[in-house]
PDB file of N, CA and C in Angstrom:
ATOM      1  N   UNK A   1      11.112  18.808 -11.496  1.00  0.00           N
ATOM      2  CA  UNK A   1      10.969  17.419 -11.087  1.00  0.00           C
ATOM      3  C   UNK A   1      12.318  16.947 -10.584  1.00  0.00           C
ATOM      4  N   UNK A   2      12.348  16.571  -9.344  1.00  0.00           N
ATOM      5  CA  UNK A   2      13.575  16.057  -8.776  1.00  0.00           C
ATOM      6  C   UNK A   2      14.214  17.006  -7.778  1.00  0.00           C
ATOM      7  N   UNK A   3      13.530  17.289  -6.705  1.00  0.00           N
ATOM      8  CA  UNK A   3      14.060  18.183  -5.683  1.00  0.00           C
ATOM      9  C   UNK A   3      15.233  17.533  -4.958  1.00  0.00           C
ATOM     10  N   UNK A   4      15.097  16.249  -4.591  1.00  0.00           N
ATOM     11  CA  UNK A   4      16.132  15.569  -3.822  1.00  0.00           C
ATOM     12  C   UNK A   4      17.142  14.833  -4.705  1.00  0.00           C
ATOM     13  N   UNK A   5      16.683  14.304  -5.830  1.00  0.00           N
ATOM     14  CA  UNK A   5      17.549  13.582  -6.771  1.00  0.00           C
ATOM     15  C   UNK A   5      17.153  13.975  -8.187  1.00  0.00           C
ATOM     16  N   UNK A   6      18.092  13.840  -9.091  1.00  0.00           N
ATOM     17  CA  UNK A   6      17.839  14.187 -10.491  1.00  0.00           C
ATOM     18  C   UNK A   6      17.014  13.081 -11.150  1.00  0.00           C
ATOM     19  N   UNK A   7      15.739  13.373 -11.376  1.00  0.00           N
ATOM     20  CA  UNK A   7      14.832  12.401 -11.991  1.00  0.00           C
ATOM     21  C   UNK A   7      15.355  11.932 -13.345  1.00  0.00           C
ATOM     22  N   UNK A   8      15.817  12.859 -14.157  1.00  0.00           N
ATOM     23  CA  UNK A   8      16.215  12.528 -15.523  1.00  0.00           C
ATOM     24  C   UNK A   8      17.463  11.641 -15.548  1.00  0.00           C
ATOM     25  N   UNK A   9      18.372  11.877 -14.636  1.00  0.00           N
ATOM     26  CA  UNK A   9      19.559  11.026 -14.529  1.00  0.00           C
ATOM     27  C   UNK A   9      19.150   9.634 -14.049  1.00  0.00           C
ATOM     28  N   UNK A  10      18.248   9.585 -13.062  1.00  0.00           N
ATOM     29  CA  UNK A  10      17.789   8.303 -12.528  1.00  0.00           C
ATOM     30  C   UNK A  10      17.028   7.513 -13.593  1.00  0.00           C
ATOM     31  N   UNK A  11      16.226   8.211 -14.393  1.00  0.00           N
ATOM     32  CA  UNK A  11      15.450   7.551 -15.450  1.00  0.00           C
ATOM     33  C   UNK A  11      16.357   6.996 -16.533  1.00  0.00           C
ATOM     34  N   UNK A  12      17.427   7.708 -16.819  1.00  0.00           N
ATOM     35  CA  UNK A  12      18.334   7.296 -17.885  1.00  0.00           C
ATOM     36  C   UNK A  12      17.816   7.723 -19.245  1.00  0.00           C
ATOM     37  N   UNK A  13      18.627   7.569 -20.234  1.00  0.00           N
ATOM     38  CA  UNK A  13      18.234   7.946 -21.589  1.00  0.00           C
ATOM     39  C   UNK A  13      18.439   9.424 -21.852  1.00  0.00           C
ATOM     40  N   UNK A  14      18.185   9.801 -23.082  1.00  0.00           N
ATOM     41  CA  UNK A  14      18.352  11.188 -23.510  1.00  0.00           C
ATOM     42  C   UNK A  14      17.158  12.037 -23.090  1.00  0.00           C
ATOM     43  N   UNK A  15      17.403  13.319 -22.855  1.00  0.00           N
ATOM     44  CA  UNK A  15      16.312  14.253 -22.603  1.00  0.00           C
ATOM     45  C   UNK A  15      15.558  14.494 -23.911  1.00  0.00           C
ATOM     46  N   UNK A  16      14.255  14.664 -23.800  1.00  0.00           N
ATOM     47  CA  UNK A  16      13.422  14.946 -24.968  1.00  0.00           C
ATOM     48  C   UNK A  16      12.761  16.304 -24.774  1.00  0.00           C
ATOM     49  N   UNK A  17      12.103  16.796 -25.789  1.00  0.00           N
ATOM     50  CA  UNK A  17      11.413  18.076 -25.696  1.00  0.00           C
ATOM     51  C   UNK A  17      10.357  18.091 -24.610  1.00  0.00           C
ATOM     52  N   UNK A  18       9.646  16.986 -24.430  1.00  0.00           N
ATOM     53  CA  UNK A  18       8.602  16.927 -23.407  1.00  0.00           C
ATOM     54  C   UNK A  18       9.194  17.064 -22.006  1.00  0.00           C
ATOM     55  N   UNK A  19      10.456  16.718 -21.846  1.00  0.00           N
ATOM     56  CA  UNK A  19      11.116  16.836 -20.539  1.00  0.00           C
ATOM     57  C   UNK A  19      11.293  18.284 -20.100  1.00  0.00           C
ATOM     58  N   UNK A  20      11.146  19.214 -21.010  1.00  0.00           N
ATOM     59  CA  UNK A  20      11.268  20.632 -20.653  1.00  0.00           C
ATOM     60  C   UNK A  20      10.077  21.129 -19.842  1.00  0.00           C
ATOM     61  N   UNK A  21       8.966  20.417 -19.876  1.00  0.00           N
ATOM     62  CA  UNK A  21       7.809  20.767 -19.060  1.00  0.00           C
ATOM     63  C   UNK A  21       7.170  22.083 -19.443  1.00  0.00           C
ATOM     64  N   UNK A  22       6.815  22.894 -18.436  1.00  0.00           N
ATOM     65  CA  UNK A  22       6.128  24.171 -18.647  1.00  0.00           C
ATOM     66  C   UNK A  22       6.952  25.137 -19.493  1.00  0.00           C
ATOM     67  N   UNK A  23       8.258  24.962 -19.543  1.00  0.00           N
ATOM     68  CA  UNK A  23       9.115  25.806 -20.367  1.00  0.00           C
ATOM     69  C   UNK A  23       8.634  25.811 -21.814  1.00  0.00           C
ATOM     70  N   UNK A  24       8.123  24.683 -22.283  1.00  0.00           N
ATOM     71  CA  UNK A  24       7.632  24.595 -23.658  1.00  0.00           C
ATOM     72  C   UNK A  24       6.496  25.571 -23.934  1.00  0.00           C
ATOM     73  N   UNK A  25       5.784  25.971 -22.891  1.00  0.00           N
ATOM     74  CA  UNK A  25       4.664  26.902 -23.034  1.00  0.00           C
ATOM     75  C   UNK A  25       5.095  28.330 -22.739  1.00  0.00           C
ATOM     76  N   UNK A  26       5.814  28.519 -21.626  1.00  0.00           N
ATOM     77  CA  UNK A  26       6.123  29.875 -21.153  1.00  0.00           C
ATOM     78  C   UNK A  26       7.416  30.439 -21.720  1.00  0.00           C
ATOM     79  N   UNK A  27       8.328  29.572 -22.131  1.00  0.00           N
ATOM     80  CA  UNK A  27       9.676  29.954 -22.598  1.00  0.00           C
ATOM     81  C   UNK A  27      10.476  30.653 -21.500  1.00  0.00           C
ATOM     82  N   UNK A  28      10.076  30.460 -20.257  1.00  0.00           N
ATOM     83  CA  UNK A  28      10.800  31.025 -19.126  1.00  0.00           C
ATOM     84  C   UNK A  28      11.655  29.932 -18.496  1.00  0.00           C
ATOM     85  N   UNK A  29      12.939  30.197 -18.364  1.00  0.00           N
ATOM     86  CA  UNK A  29      13.886  29.201 -17.864  1.00  0.00           C
ATOM     87  C   UNK A  29      13.456  28.636 -16.510  1.00  0.00           C
ATOM     88  N   UNK A  30      12.836  29.458 -15.677  1.00  0.00           N
ATOM     89  CA  UNK A  30      12.410  28.991 -14.348  1.00  0.00           C
ATOM     90  C   UNK A  30      11.372  27.862 -14.440  1.00  0.00           C
ATOM     91  N   UNK A  31      10.729  27.702 -15.591  1.00  0.00           N
ATOM     92  CA  UNK A  31       9.712  26.665 -15.767  1.00  0.00           C
ATOM     93  C   UNK A  31      10.246  25.368 -16.364  1.00  0.00           C
ATOM     94  N   UNK A  32      11.548  25.324 -16.677  1.00  0.00           N
ATOM     95  CA  UNK A  32      12.131  24.101 -17.248  1.00  0.00           C
ATOM     96  C   UNK A  32      12.069  22.980 -16.206  1.00  0.00           C
ATOM     97  N   UNK A  33      11.584  21.838 -16.603  1.00  0.00           N
ATOM     98  CA  UNK A  33      11.428  20.639 -15.768  1.00  0.00           C
ATOM     99  C   UNK A  33      10.349  20.798 -14.696  1.00  0.00           C
ATOM    100  N   UNK A  34       9.439  21.759 -14.870  1.00  0.00           N
ATOM    101  CA  UNK A  34       8.260  21.881 -14.007  1.00  0.00           C
ATOM    102  C   UNK A  34       7.065  21.403 -14.817  1.00  0.00           C
ATOM    103  N   UNK A  35       6.171  20.675 -14.155  1.00  0.00           N
ATOM    104  CA  UNK A  35       5.053  20.061 -14.851  1.00  0.00           C
ATOM    105  C   UNK A  35       3.746  20.358 -14.139  1.00  0.00           C
ATOM    106  N   UNK A  36       2.690  20.537 -14.912  1.00  0.00           N
ATOM    107  CA  UNK A  36       1.367  20.690 -14.334  1.00  0.00           C
ATOM    108  C   UNK A  36       0.933  19.318 -13.843  1.00  0.00           C
ATOM    109  N   UNK A  37       0.570  19.246 -12.597  1.00  0.00           N
ATOM    110  CA  UNK A  37       0.195  17.969 -11.994  1.00  0.00           C
ATOM    111  C   UNK A  37      -1.318  17.832 -12.023  1.00  0.00           C
ATOM    112  N   UNK A  38      -1.822  16.735 -12.575  1.00  0.00           N
ATOM    113  CA  UNK A  38      -3.277  16.547 -12.608  1.00  0.00           C
ATOM    114  C   UNK A  38      -3.815  16.244 -11.214  1.00  0.00           C
ATOM    115  N   UNK A  39      -5.115  16.380 -11.052  1.00  0.00           N
ATOM    116  CA  UNK A  39      -5.748  16.035  -9.786  1.00  0.00           C
ATOM    117  C   UNK A  39      -5.587  14.542  -9.533  1.00  0.00           C
ATOM    118  N   UNK A  40      -5.711  14.151  -8.283  1.00  0.00           N
ATOM    119  CA  UNK A  40      -5.531  12.747  -7.930  1.00  0.00           C
ATOM    120  C   UNK A  40      -6.807  11.913  -8.087  1.00  0.00           C
ATOM    121  N   UNK A  41      -7.927  12.563  -8.314  1.00  0.00           N
ATOM    122  CA  UNK A  41      -9.185  11.845  -8.504  1.00  0.00           C
ATOM    123  C   UNK A  41      -9.031  10.859  -9.660  1.00  0.00           C
ATOM    124  N   UNK A  42      -9.364   9.617  -9.436  1.00  0.00           N
ATOM    125  CA  UNK A  42      -9.292   8.536 -10.431  1.00  0.00           C
ATOM    126  C   UNK A  42      -7.862   8.229 -10.882  1.00  0.00           C
ATOM    127  N   UNK A  43      -6.872   8.580 -10.080  1.00  0.00           N
ATOM    128  CA  UNK A  43      -5.465   8.358 -10.451  1.00  0.00           C
ATOM    129  C   UNK A  43      -5.175   6.883 -10.744  1.00  0.00           C
ATOM    130  N   UNK A  44      -5.894   6.006 -10.095  1.00  0.00           N
ATOM    131  CA  UNK A  44      -5.720   4.565 -10.309  1.00  0.00           C
ATOM    132  C   UNK A  44      -5.929   4.174 -11.776  1.00  0.00           C
ATOM    133  N   UNK A  45      -6.729   4.963 -12.493  1.00  0.00           N
ATOM    134  CA  UNK A  45      -7.117   4.608 -13.861  1.00  0.00           C
ATOM    135  C   UNK A  45      -6.370   5.385 -14.939  1.00  0.00           C
ATOM    136  N   UNK A  46      -5.434   6.237 -14.548  1.00  0.00           N
ATOM    137  CA  UNK A  46      -4.815   7.141 -15.528  1.00  0.00           C
ATOM    138  C   UNK A  46      -3.353   6.802 -15.823  1.00  0.00           C
ATOM    139  N   UNK A  47      -3.015   5.542 -15.750  1.00  0.00           N
ATOM    140  CA  UNK A  47      -1.653   5.111 -16.048  1.00  0.00           C
ATOM    141  C   UNK A  47      -1.391   5.171 -17.539  1.00  0.00           C
ATOM    142  N   UNK A  48      -0.161   5.190 -18.008  1.00  0.00           N
ATOM    143  CA  UNK A  48       1.079   5.283 -17.237  1.00  0.00           C
ATOM    144  C   UNK A  48       1.232   6.680 -16.650  1.00  0.00           C
ATOM    145  N   UNK A  49       2.136   6.804 -15.695  1.00  0.00           N
ATOM    146  CA  UNK A  49       2.276   8.034 -14.929  1.00  0.00           C
ATOM    147  C   UNK A  49       3.505   8.836 -15.342  1.00  0.00           C
ATOM    148  N   UNK A  50       3.488  10.087 -14.967  1.00  0.00           N
ATOM    149  CA  UNK A  50       4.508  11.098 -15.224  1.00  0.00           C
ATOM    150  C   UNK A  50       4.362  11.652 -16.642  1.00  0.00           C
ATOM    151  N   UNK A  51       5.024  12.735 -16.875  1.00  0.00           N
ATOM    152  CA  UNK A  51       4.925  13.444 -18.158  1.00  0.00           C
ATOM    153  C   UNK A  51       5.395  12.588 -19.317  1.00  0.00           C
ATOM    154  N   UNK A  52       6.250  11.614 -19.022  1.00  0.00           N
ATOM    155  CA  UNK A  52       6.837  10.786 -20.076  1.00  0.00           C
ATOM    156  C   UNK A  52       6.287   9.361 -20.089  1.00  0.00           C
ATOM    157  N   UNK A  53       5.316   9.083 -19.223  1.00  0.00           N
ATOM    158  CA  UNK A  53       4.718   7.750 -19.180  1.00  0.00           C
ATOM    159  C   UNK A  53       5.658   6.666 -18.704  1.00  0.00           C
ATOM    160  N   UNK A  54       6.717   7.034 -17.985  1.00  0.00           N
ATOM    161  CA  UNK A  54       7.743   6.061 -17.608  1.00  0.00           C
ATOM    162  C   UNK A  54       7.377   5.193 -16.414  1.00  0.00           C
ATOM    163  N   UNK A  55       6.374   5.560 -15.635  1.00  0.00           N
ATOM    164  CA  UNK A  55       5.951   4.741 -14.491  1.00  0.00           C
ATOM    165  C   UNK A  55       4.681   3.992 -14.886  1.00  0.00           C
ATOM    166  N   UNK A  56       4.792   2.692 -14.987  1.00  0.00           N
ATOM    167  CA  UNK A  56       3.661   1.863 -15.437  1.00  0.00           C
ATOM    168  C   UNK A  56       2.591   1.689 -14.368  1.00  0.00           C
ATOM    169  N   UNK A  57       2.994   1.711 -13.087  1.00  0.00           N
ATOM    170  CA  UNK A  57       2.054   1.432 -12.003  1.00  0.00           C
ATOM    171  C   UNK A  57       2.120   2.523 -10.940  1.00  0.00           C
ATOM    172  N   UNK A  58       1.088   2.568 -10.095  1.00  0.00           N
ATOM    173  CA  UNK A  58       1.110   3.493  -8.965  1.00  0.00           C
ATOM    174  C   UNK A  58       2.253   3.154  -8.013  1.00  0.00           C
ATOM    175  N   UNK A  59       2.543   1.890  -7.851  1.00  0.00           N
ATOM    176  CA  UNK A  59       3.663   1.479  -6.990  1.00  0.00           C
ATOM    177  C   UNK A  59       4.950   2.112  -7.509  1.00  0.00           C
ATOM    178  N   UNK A  60       5.199   2.010  -8.805  1.00  0.00           N
ATOM    179  CA  UNK A  60       6.403   2.621  -9.397  1.00  0.00           C
ATOM    180  C   UNK A  60       6.400   4.127  -9.183  1.00  0.00           C
ATOM    181  N   UNK A  61       5.261   4.774  -9.421  1.00  0.00           N
ATOM    182  CA  UNK A  61       5.169   6.232  -9.307  1.00  0.00           C
ATOM    183  C   UNK A  61       5.445   6.689  -7.875  1.00  0.00           C
ATOM    184  N   UNK A  62       4.863   6.017  -6.901  1.00  0.00           N
ATOM    185  CA  UNK A  62       5.081   6.401  -5.500  1.00  0.00           C
ATOM    186  C   UNK A  62       6.540   6.189  -5.119  1.00  0.00           C
ATOM    187  N   UNK A  63       7.116   5.059  -5.523  1.00  0.00           N
ATOM    188  CA  UNK A  63       8.518   4.767  -5.205  1.00  0.00           C
ATOM    189  C   UNK A  63       9.441   5.837  -5.791  1.00  0.00           C
ATOM    190  N   UNK A  64       9.249   6.156  -7.064  1.00  0.00           N
ATOM    191  CA  UNK A  64      10.100   7.134  -7.744  1.00  0.00           C
ATOM    192  C   UNK A  64       9.932   8.520  -7.133  1.00  0.00           C
ATOM    193  N   UNK A  65       8.683   8.927  -6.882  1.00  0.00           N
ATOM    194  CA  UNK A  65       8.457  10.257  -6.298  1.00  0.00           C
ATOM    195  C   UNK A  65       9.075  10.359  -4.916  1.00  0.00           C
ATOM    196  N   UNK A  66       9.015   9.297  -4.134  1.00  0.00           N
ATOM    197  CA  UNK A  66       9.671   9.304  -2.826  1.00  0.00           C
ATOM    198  C   UNK A  66      11.161   9.555  -2.962  1.00  0.00           C
ATOM    199  N   UNK A  67      11.770   8.909  -3.936  1.00  0.00           N
ATOM    200  CA  UNK A  67      13.210   9.054  -4.150  1.00  0.00           C
ATOM    201  C   UNK A  67      13.589  10.433  -4.669  1.00  0.00           C
ATOM    202  N   UNK A  68      12.961  10.864  -5.762  1.00  0.00           N
ATOM    203  CA  UNK A  68      13.421  12.090  -6.428  1.00  0.00           C
ATOM    204  C   UNK A  68      12.891  13.371  -5.781  1.00  0.00           C
ATOM    205  N   UNK A  69      11.723  13.309  -5.150  1.00  0.00           N
ATOM    206  CA  UNK A  69      11.177  14.517  -4.546  1.00  0.00           C
ATOM    207  C   UNK A  69      11.515  14.642  -3.067  1.00  0.00           C
ATOM    208  N   UNK A  70      11.604  13.504  -2.363  1.00  0.00           N
ATOM    209  CA  UNK A  70      11.811  13.546  -0.918  1.00  0.00           C
ATOM    210  C   UNK A  70      13.144  12.952  -0.468  1.00  0.00           C
ATOM    211  N   UNK A  71      13.831  12.274  -1.367  1.00  0.00           N
ATOM    212  CA  UNK A  71      15.092  11.629  -0.987  1.00  0.00           C
ATOM    213  C   UNK A  71      14.883  10.439  -0.058  1.00  0.00           C
ATOM    214  N   UNK A  72      13.723   9.775  -0.177  1.00  0.00           N
ATOM    215  CA  UNK A  72      13.394   8.661   0.705  1.00  0.00           C
ATOM    216  C   UNK A  72      13.172   7.394  -0.103  1.00  0.00           C
ATOM    217  N   UNK A  73      13.596   6.281   0.464  1.00  0.00           N
ATOM    218  CA  UNK A  73      13.296   4.969  -0.090  1.00  0.00           C
ATOM    219  C   UNK A  73      12.227   4.349   0.794  1.00  0.00           C
ATOM    220  N   UNK A  74      10.967   4.476   0.387  1.00  0.00           N
ATOM    221  CA  UNK A  74       9.870   3.959   1.181  1.00  0.00           C
ATOM    222  C   UNK A  74       9.905   2.444   1.222  1.00  0.00           C
ATOM    223  N   UNK A  75       9.465   1.889   2.347  1.00  0.00           N
ATOM    224  CA  UNK A  75       9.353   0.435   2.472  1.00  0.00           C
ATOM    225  C   UNK A  75       8.163  -0.039   1.637  1.00  0.00           C
ATOM    226  N   UNK A  76       8.110  -1.334   1.418  1.00  0.00           N
ATOM    227  CA  UNK A  76       6.985  -1.910   0.687  1.00  0.00           C
ATOM    228  C   UNK A  76       5.655  -1.612   1.367  1.00  0.00           C
ATOM    229  N   UNK A  77       5.635  -1.662   2.704  1.00  0.00           N
ATOM    230  CA  UNK A  77       4.401  -1.359   3.441  1.00  0.00           C
ATOM    231  C   UNK A  77       4.003   0.099   3.271  1.00  0.00           C
ATOM    232  N   UNK A  78       4.977   1.004   3.329  1.00  0.00           N
ATOM    233  CA  UNK A  78       4.674   2.428   3.153  1.00  0.00           C
ATOM    234  C   UNK A  78       4.101   2.701   1.765  1.00  0.00           C
ATOM    235  N   UNK A  79       4.724   2.110   0.755  1.00  0.00           N
ATOM    236  CA  UNK A  79       4.225   2.280  -0.610  1.00  0.00           C
ATOM    237  C   UNK A  79       2.829   1.685  -0.734  1.00  0.00           C
ATOM    238  N   UNK A  80       2.627   0.503  -0.171  1.00  0.00           N
ATOM    239  CA  UNK A  80       1.322  -0.140  -0.216  1.00  0.00           C
ATOM    240  C   UNK A  80       0.239   0.712   0.431  1.00  0.00           C
ATOM    241  N   UNK A  81       0.567   1.349   1.559  1.00  0.00           N
ATOM    242  CA  UNK A  81      -0.411   2.206   2.229  1.00  0.00           C
ATOM    243  C   UNK A  81      -0.745   3.429   1.386  1.00  0.00           C
ATOM    244  N   UNK A  82       0.263   4.035   0.761  1.00  0.00           N
ATOM    245  CA  UNK A  82       0.006   5.208  -0.076  1.00  0.00           C
ATOM    246  C   UNK A  82      -0.824   4.829  -1.302  1.00  0.00           C
ATOM    247  N   UNK A  83      -0.499   3.706  -1.922  1.00  0.00           N
ATOM    248  CA  UNK A  83      -1.255   3.248  -3.088  1.00  0.00           C
ATOM    249  C   UNK A  83      -2.696   2.924  -2.685  1.00  0.00           C
ATOM    250  N   UNK A  84      -2.876   2.291  -1.535  1.00  0.00           N
ATOM    251  CA  UNK A  84      -4.227   1.983  -1.059  1.00  0.00           C
ATOM    252  C   UNK A  84      -5.025   3.277  -0.876  1.00  0.00           C
ATOM    253  N   UNK A  85      -4.391   4.312  -0.308  1.00  0.00           N
ATOM    254  CA  UNK A  85      -5.076   5.592  -0.169  1.00  0.00           C
ATOM    255  C   UNK A  85      -5.436   6.168  -1.535  1.00  0.00           C
ATOM    256  N   UNK A  86      -4.481   6.178  -2.467  1.00  0.00           N
ATOM    257  CA  UNK A  86      -4.739   6.750  -3.793  1.00  0.00           C
ATOM    258  C   UNK A  86      -5.904   6.035  -4.483  1.00  0.00           C
ATOM    259  N   UNK A  87      -6.025   4.747  -4.261  1.00  0.00           N
ATOM    260  CA  UNK A  87      -7.119   3.988  -4.872  1.00  0.00           C
ATOM    261  C   UNK A  87      -8.476   4.366  -4.284  1.00  0.00           C
ATOM    262  N   UNK A  88      -8.484   4.908  -3.063  1.00  0.00           N
ATOM    263  CA  UNK A  88      -9.767   5.353  -2.491  1.00  0.00           C
ATOM    264  C   UNK A  88     -10.295   6.582  -3.214  1.00  0.00           C
ATOM    265  N   UNK A  89      -9.484   7.216  -4.030  1.00  0.00           N
ATOM    266  CA  UNK A  89      -9.882   8.410  -4.756  1.00  0.00           C
ATOM    267  C   UNK A  89     -10.547   8.087  -6.098  1.00  0.00           C
ATOM    268  N   UNK A  90     -10.709   6.798  -6.385  1.00  0.00           N
ATOM    269  CA  UNK A  90     -11.370   6.375  -7.616  1.00  0.00           C
ATOM    270  C   UNK A  90     -12.877   6.461  -7.425  1.00  0.00           C
ATOM    271  N   UNK A  91     -13.537   7.095  -8.378  1.00  0.00           N
ATOM    272  CA  UNK A  91     -14.978   7.317  -8.284  1.00  0.00           C
ATOM    273  C   UNK A  91     -15.807   6.102  -8.636  1.00  0.00           C
ATOM    274  N   UNK A  92     -17.110   6.315  -8.583  1.00  0.00           N
ATOM    275  CA  UNK A  92     -18.082   5.277  -8.913  1.00  0.00           C
ATOM    276  C   UNK A  92     -19.062   5.807  -9.954  1.00  0.00           C
ATOM    277  N   UNK A  93     -19.685   4.893 -10.649  1.00  0.00           N
ATOM    278  CA  UNK A  93     -20.763   5.222 -11.577  1.00  0.00           C
ATOM    279  C   UNK A  93     -21.872   4.213 -11.337  1.00  0.00           C
ATOM    280  N   UNK A  94     -23.033   4.715 -10.992  1.00  0.00           N
ATOM    281  CA  UNK A  94     -24.180   3.861 -10.677  1.00  0.00           C
ATOM    282  C   UNK A  94     -23.814   2.830  -9.601  1.00  0.00           C
ATOM    283  N   UNK A  95     -23.054   3.277  -8.599  1.00  0.00           N
ATOM    284  CA  UNK A  95     -22.721   2.426  -7.465  1.00  0.00           C
ATOM    285  C   UNK A  95     -21.614   1.422  -7.689  1.00  0.00           C
ATOM    286  N   UNK A  96     -20.958   1.452  -8.849  1.00  0.00           N
ATOM    287  CA  UNK A  96     -19.884   0.514  -9.157  1.00  0.00           C
ATOM    288  C   UNK A  96     -18.576   1.284  -9.323  1.00  0.00           C
ATOM    289  N   UNK A  97     -17.471   0.796  -8.722  1.00  0.00           N
ATOM    290  CA  UNK A  97     -16.182   1.487  -8.904  1.00  0.00           C
ATOM    291  C   UNK A  97     -15.823   1.594 -10.385  1.00  0.00           C
ATOM    292  N   UNK A  98     -15.322   2.748 -10.791  1.00  0.00           N
ATOM    293  CA  UNK A  98     -14.983   2.973 -12.204  1.00  0.00           C
ATOM    294  C   UNK A  98     -14.038   1.914 -12.750  1.00  0.00           C
ATOM    295  N   UNK A  99     -13.116   1.445 -11.946  1.00  0.00           N
ATOM    296  CA  UNK A  99     -12.153   0.443 -12.394  1.00  0.00           C
ATOM    297  C   UNK A  99     -12.773  -0.904 -12.708  1.00  0.00           C
ATOM    298  N   UNK A 100     -14.007  -1.125 -12.270  1.00  0.00           N
ATOM    299  CA  UNK A 100     -14.673  -2.413 -12.494  1.00  0.00           C
ATOM    300  C   UNK A 100     -15.763  -2.338 -13.559  1.00  0.00           C
ATOM    301  N   UNK A 101     -15.979  -1.169 -14.139  1.00  0.00           N
ATOM    302  CA  UNK A 101     -17.055  -1.004 -15.116  1.00  0.00           C
ATOM    303  C   UNK A 101     -16.733  -1.680 -16.439  1.00  0.00           C
ATOM    304  N   UNK A 102     -17.776  -2.159 -17.080  1.00  0.00           N
ATOM    305  CA  UNK A 102     -17.667  -2.678 -18.432  1.00  0.00           C
ATOM    306  C   UNK A 102     -18.435  -1.723 -19.354  1.00  0.00           C
ATOM    307  N   UNK A 103     -18.293  -1.903 -20.643  1.00  0.00           N
ATOM    308  CA  UNK A 103     -19.016  -1.061 -21.605  1.00  0.00           C
ATOM    309  C   UNK A 103     -20.522  -1.209 -21.393  1.00  0.00           C
ATOM    310  N   UNK A 104     -20.964  -2.375 -21.032  1.00  0.00           N
ATOM    311  CA  UNK A 104     -22.393  -2.618 -20.791  1.00  0.00           C
ATOM    312  C   UNK A 104     -22.903  -1.804 -19.620  1.00  0.00           C
ATOM    313  N   UNK A 105     -22.089  -1.617 -18.586  1.00  0.00           N
ATOM    314  CA  UNK A 105     -22.487  -0.831 -17.410  1.00  0.00           C
ATOM    315  C   UNK A 105     -22.740   0.616 -17.762  1.00  0.00           C
ATOM    316  N   UNK A 106     -22.052   1.137 -18.756  1.00  0.00           N
ATOM    317  CA  UNK A 106     -22.128   2.558 -19.113  1.00  0.00           C
ATOM    318  C   UNK A 106     -23.315   2.842 -20.013  1.00  0.00           C
ATOM    319  N   UNK A 107     -23.778   1.873 -20.745  1.00  0.00           N
ATOM    320  CA  UNK A 107     -24.912   2.066 -21.665  1.00  0.00           C
ATOM    321  C   UNK A 107     -26.189   2.366 -20.959  1.00  0.00           C
TER     322      UNK A 107
END
C-alpha cells in the first residue's frame, strides 16, 4: 500500500500488526503491506474503508488512494465522478437500492 507515497507515514500514528497485511498469513517479506482487496460490488455500504478502517467515506478513500497509489491530488469534481461511479455498483433487492432498504423491506 503506497506505491507513490508512504500510506503509513501519511496516516500517522504507530504501525500495528494489521498493517503487515498478507505477511501475517504468508510470513513472506514480499507480502508485507500488501492487502487482499475486496470486490467493488456494494462498496458504498461497506465503510469504513481500508484494512485499518481509517477512511470513513468513499470520498476520503478515493482521495487517499489517488495520493498514495498514483501520486495525484484529484479535484473535487474528479473525486465526485469516481464516487458516483462506485455508487452505481450498489445492488438492489426487490427493485430497491440496498442502501435504502429497511428491515421491513427484507422480511
